[in-house]
Structure formats: C-alpha cells, structure tokens
Amino acid sequence: MMSTVFVFLSVLILYYLILIPLEYRSLKEVRMEYSQTGTSHDTHGNPSFEKQLLETNKQGNLLNVPAVAIAVFIYKARHRDT
C-alpha cells in the first residue's frame, strides 16, 4: 500500500517538474506577444489549430493547476520590476 502511494507521488512530482518549465515558457511567450501587440492569442486573433489544441488540453486538465500556479509565481518573481 505504501509503495503504491510512494510511486504515485513520485510520478506526480516528476510530472510537475517536467511541466513547470513548459508552462513557464508558454506564459512567457503569451506575455511577450501581449506586450508587443497589445493582445494575446487567447482572446484575439486566429491561432493555429495546434496552438488551440494545446491550450485546450492545458486548461482542461486539473492536474496542471499546481504546475501553472508555480510557473506564474516564478514568472512574477523574475519579472517583478517590469
């Protein structure tokens, strides 16, 4: 029983460690696009099918919420003065 819980938690932590840099990079790209154009691809424009599908999958998975929250926290900590 304990080994199953340990394996599950280990996989979950590994998942988050892989996902945090990906979310950070995505957030950075959206913020850079917003600062250059004044709009983001989420609210305006016509994003490619691949971007729409990736965004839908990211937003629809509740397991991604902690990784996204950590990525936002890291982004705000690094870009405090801007």
N, C-alpha and C. Protein backbone atom coordinates (compact mmCIF):
# COMPACT_ATOMS: atom_id res chain seq x y z
N MET A 1 0.82 -1.19 0.00
CA MET A 1 0.00 0.00 0.00
C MET A 1 0.87 1.26 0.00
N MET A 2 1.83 1.31 0.90
CA MET A 2 2.69 2.50 0.97
C MET A 2 3.54 2.64 -0.28
N SER A 3 3.96 1.52 -0.85
CA SER A 3 4.79 1.60 -2.05
C SER A 3 3.98 2.13 -3.23
N THR A 4 2.70 1.81 -3.29
CA THR A 4 1.84 2.33 -4.35
C THR A 4 1.67 3.84 -4.21
N VAL A 5 1.46 4.30 -3.02
CA VAL A 5 1.33 5.74 -2.77
C VAL A 5 2.64 6.45 -3.08
N PHE A 6 3.75 5.84 -2.70
CA PHE A 6 5.06 6.43 -2.97
C PHE A 6 5.30 6.53 -4.47
N VAL A 7 4.97 5.50 -5.21
CA VAL A 7 5.16 5.52 -6.67
C VAL A 7 4.25 6.58 -7.30
N PHE A 8 3.01 6.64 -6.86
CA PHE A 8 2.08 7.64 -7.39
C PHE A 8 2.58 9.06 -7.14
N LEU A 9 3.01 9.33 -5.92
CA LEU A 9 3.52 10.66 -5.60
C LEU A 9 4.81 10.98 -6.35
N SER A 10 5.65 9.98 -6.54
CA SER A 10 6.89 10.19 -7.29
C SER A 10 6.59 10.54 -8.75
N VAL A 11 5.66 9.84 -9.34
CA VAL A 11 5.28 10.13 -10.72
C VAL A 11 4.65 11.51 -10.83
N LEU A 12 3.82 11.86 -9.87
CA LEU A 12 3.18 13.17 -9.86
C LEU A 12 4.21 14.30 -9.73
N ILE A 13 5.17 14.14 -8.86
CA ILE A 13 6.23 15.14 -8.69
C ILE A 13 7.07 15.25 -9.96
N LEU A 14 7.40 14.13 -10.57
CA LEU A 14 8.15 14.14 -11.82
C LEU A 14 7.35 14.85 -12.91
N TYR A 15 6.07 14.58 -12.97
CA TYR A 15 5.18 15.24 -13.94
C TYR A 15 5.22 16.76 -13.75
N TYR A 16 5.14 17.21 -12.51
CA TYR A 16 5.18 18.65 -12.25
C TYR A 16 6.54 19.25 -12.58
N LEU A 17 7.61 18.54 -12.28
CA LEU A 17 8.95 19.05 -12.59
C LEU A 17 9.18 19.18 -14.08
N ILE A 18 8.55 18.34 -14.86
CA ILE A 18 8.66 18.45 -16.32
C ILE A 18 7.74 19.55 -16.84
N LEU A 19 6.57 19.67 -16.25
CA LEU A 19 5.56 20.59 -16.76
C LEU A 19 5.83 22.06 -16.40
N ILE A 20 6.46 22.32 -15.28
CA ILE A 20 6.69 23.70 -14.84
C ILE A 20 7.49 24.51 -15.87
N PRO A 21 8.63 24.01 -16.39
CA PRO A 21 9.34 24.80 -17.40
C PRO A 21 8.54 25.00 -18.69
N LEU A 22 7.75 24.01 -19.06
CA LEU A 22 6.92 24.15 -20.26
C LEU A 22 5.86 25.23 -20.06
N GLU A 23 5.23 25.23 -18.91
CA GLU A 23 4.23 26.25 -18.61
C GLU A 23 4.86 27.64 -18.52
N TYR A 24 6.04 27.70 -17.92
CA TYR A 24 6.74 28.99 -17.81
C TYR A 24 7.04 29.54 -19.20
N ARG A 25 7.55 28.68 -20.07
CA ARG A 25 7.87 29.11 -21.43
C ARG A 25 6.62 29.58 -22.17
N SER A 26 5.53 28.87 -21.99
CA SER A 26 4.27 29.25 -22.63
C SER A 26 3.77 30.58 -22.10
N LEU A 27 3.82 30.75 -20.80
CA LEU A 27 3.40 32.01 -20.18
C LEU A 27 4.26 33.17 -20.65
N LYS A 28 5.55 32.95 -20.72
CA LYS A 28 6.48 33.98 -21.17
C LYS A 28 6.18 34.39 -22.61
N GLU A 29 5.88 33.41 -23.46
CA GLU A 29 5.57 33.69 -24.85
C GLU A 29 4.27 34.49 -24.98
N VAL A 30 3.26 34.12 -24.21
CA VAL A 30 1.98 34.84 -24.26
C VAL A 30 2.16 36.26 -23.75
N ARG A 31 2.91 36.44 -22.67
CA ARG A 31 3.14 37.79 -22.14
C ARG A 31 3.95 38.65 -23.11
N MET A 32 4.93 38.03 -23.79
CA MET A 32 5.73 38.78 -24.76
C MET A 32 4.87 39.18 -25.95
N GLU A 33 4.02 38.27 -26.40
CA GLU A 33 3.12 38.58 -27.51
C GLU A 33 2.15 39.68 -27.12
N TYR A 34 1.67 39.64 -25.89
CA TYR A 34 0.75 40.66 -25.40
C TYR A 34 1.44 42.02 -25.33
N SER A 35 2.68 42.06 -24.88
CA SER A 35 3.37 43.34 -24.75
C SER A 35 3.72 43.93 -26.12
N GLN A 36 3.91 43.07 -27.14
CA GLN A 36 4.24 43.57 -28.47
C GLN A 36 3.02 44.03 -29.24
N THR A 37 1.93 43.28 -29.13
CA THR A 37 0.75 43.58 -29.93
C THR A 37 -0.39 44.21 -29.14
N GLY A 38 -0.37 44.05 -27.84
CA GLY A 38 -1.45 44.57 -27.02
C GLY A 38 -2.59 43.57 -26.85
N THR A 39 -2.49 42.44 -27.54
CA THR A 39 -3.50 41.39 -27.41
C THR A 39 -2.78 40.06 -27.30
N SER A 40 -3.48 39.07 -26.75
CA SER A 40 -2.91 37.73 -26.68
C SER A 40 -3.67 36.83 -27.64
N HIS A 41 -3.07 35.74 -28.02
CA HIS A 41 -3.72 34.83 -28.97
C HIS A 41 -4.92 34.13 -28.35
N ASP A 42 -5.05 34.18 -27.02
CA ASP A 42 -6.18 33.53 -26.37
C ASP A 42 -7.48 34.30 -26.59
N THR A 43 -7.39 35.61 -26.64
CA THR A 43 -8.61 36.40 -26.73
C THR A 43 -8.86 36.96 -28.12
N HIS A 44 -7.83 37.17 -28.89
CA HIS A 44 -7.99 37.77 -30.22
C HIS A 44 -7.14 37.01 -31.21
N GLY A 45 -7.37 37.31 -32.46
CA GLY A 45 -6.55 36.70 -33.50
C GLY A 45 -7.07 35.32 -33.88
N ASN A 46 -6.30 34.68 -34.72
CA ASN A 46 -6.67 33.36 -35.21
C ASN A 46 -5.49 32.42 -35.01
N PRO A 47 -5.38 31.81 -33.84
CA PRO A 47 -4.24 30.92 -33.59
C PRO A 47 -4.34 29.65 -34.43
N SER A 48 -3.23 29.01 -34.65
CA SER A 48 -3.21 27.78 -35.42
C SER A 48 -3.96 26.68 -34.66
N PHE A 49 -4.31 25.64 -35.39
CA PHE A 49 -5.03 24.52 -34.78
C PHE A 49 -4.21 23.89 -33.67
N GLU A 50 -2.90 23.77 -33.89
CA GLU A 50 -2.03 23.16 -32.89
C GLU A 50 -2.03 23.96 -31.59
N LYS A 51 -1.94 25.29 -31.71
CA LYS A 51 -1.95 26.13 -30.51
C LYS A 51 -3.28 26.04 -29.78
N GLN A 52 -4.37 26.01 -30.54
CA GLN A 52 -5.68 25.89 -29.91
C GLN A 52 -5.82 24.57 -29.18
N LEU A 53 -5.36 23.49 -29.80
CA LEU A 53 -5.46 22.18 -29.18
C LEU A 53 -4.60 22.08 -27.92
N LEU A 54 -3.37 22.60 -27.98
CA LEU A 54 -2.51 22.59 -26.80
C LEU A 54 -3.11 23.41 -25.66
N GLU A 55 -3.63 24.56 -25.99
CA GLU A 55 -4.21 25.43 -24.96
C GLU A 55 -5.43 24.77 -24.32
N THR A 56 -6.25 24.12 -25.13
CA THR A 56 -7.43 23.43 -24.61
C THR A 56 -7.03 22.29 -23.69
N ASN A 57 -6.03 21.52 -24.08
CA ASN A 57 -5.58 20.41 -23.25
C ASN A 57 -4.97 20.90 -21.94
N LYS A 58 -4.23 22.00 -21.99
CA LYS A 58 -3.64 22.53 -20.76
C LYS A 58 -4.71 23.03 -19.81
N GLN A 59 -5.70 23.73 -20.35
CA GLN A 59 -6.71 24.32 -19.49
C GLN A 59 -7.71 23.29 -18.98
N GLY A 60 -7.87 22.19 -19.69
CA GLY A 60 -8.86 21.21 -19.31
C GLY A 60 -8.40 20.17 -18.32
N ASN A 61 -7.14 20.19 -17.93
CA ASN A 61 -6.61 19.17 -17.05
C ASN A 61 -6.36 19.76 -15.67
N LEU A 62 -7.07 19.26 -14.67
CA LEU A 62 -6.92 19.80 -13.31
C LEU A 62 -5.57 19.45 -12.69
N LEU A 63 -4.89 18.43 -13.21
CA LEU A 63 -3.57 18.09 -12.68
C LEU A 63 -2.54 19.17 -13.01
N ASN A 64 -2.84 20.00 -14.00
CA ASN A 64 -1.90 21.05 -14.41
C ASN A 64 -1.97 22.29 -13.53
N VAL A 65 -2.98 22.42 -12.71
CA VAL A 65 -3.18 23.64 -11.92
C VAL A 65 -1.98 23.95 -11.01
N PRO A 66 -1.43 22.99 -10.25
CA PRO A 66 -0.27 23.34 -9.42
C PRO A 66 0.95 23.77 -10.24
N ALA A 67 1.18 23.11 -11.37
CA ALA A 67 2.33 23.48 -12.21
C ALA A 67 2.15 24.88 -12.79
N VAL A 68 0.94 25.20 -13.21
CA VAL A 68 0.66 26.54 -13.75
C VAL A 68 0.82 27.59 -12.66
N ALA A 69 0.33 27.30 -11.46
CA ALA A 69 0.46 28.25 -10.36
C ALA A 69 1.93 28.51 -10.02
N ILE A 70 2.73 27.46 -9.99
CA ILE A 70 4.16 27.62 -9.71
C ILE A 70 4.84 28.40 -10.83
N ALA A 71 4.47 28.11 -12.09
CA ALA A 71 5.06 28.83 -13.22
C ALA A 71 4.71 30.32 -13.17
N VAL A 72 3.47 30.64 -12.82
CA VAL A 72 3.07 32.04 -12.70
C VAL A 72 3.84 32.71 -11.57
N PHE A 73 4.00 32.02 -10.46
CA PHE A 73 4.75 32.57 -9.32
C PHE A 73 6.20 32.84 -9.72
N ILE A 74 6.83 31.91 -10.42
CA ILE A 74 8.22 32.09 -10.87
C ILE A 74 8.31 33.26 -11.85
N TYR A 75 7.35 33.34 -12.78
CA TYR A 75 7.36 34.43 -13.76
C TYR A 75 7.24 35.78 -13.06
N LYS A 76 6.30 35.88 -12.13
CA LYS A 76 6.12 37.15 -11.43
C LYS A 76 7.32 37.50 -10.57
N ALA A 77 7.98 36.51 -10.00
CA ALA A 77 9.16 36.77 -9.18
C ALA A 77 10.32 37.25 -10.06
N ARG A 78 10.45 36.70 -11.23
CA ARG A 78 11.56 37.09 -12.12
C ARG A 78 11.30 38.42 -12.82
N HIS A 79 10.04 38.77 -13.04
CA HIS A 79 9.71 39.98 -13.77
C HIS A 79 8.98 40.98 -12.87
N ARG A 80 9.44 41.11 -11.67
CA ARG A 80 8.82 41.99 -10.70
C ARG A 80 8.88 43.46 -11.11
N ASP A 81 10.02 43.89 -11.62
CA ASP A 81 10.22 45.31 -11.91
C ASP A 81 9.68 45.73 -13.26
N THR A 82 9.28 44.80 -14.12
CA THR A 82 8.77 45.19 -15.44
C THR A 82 7.29 45.19 -15.50
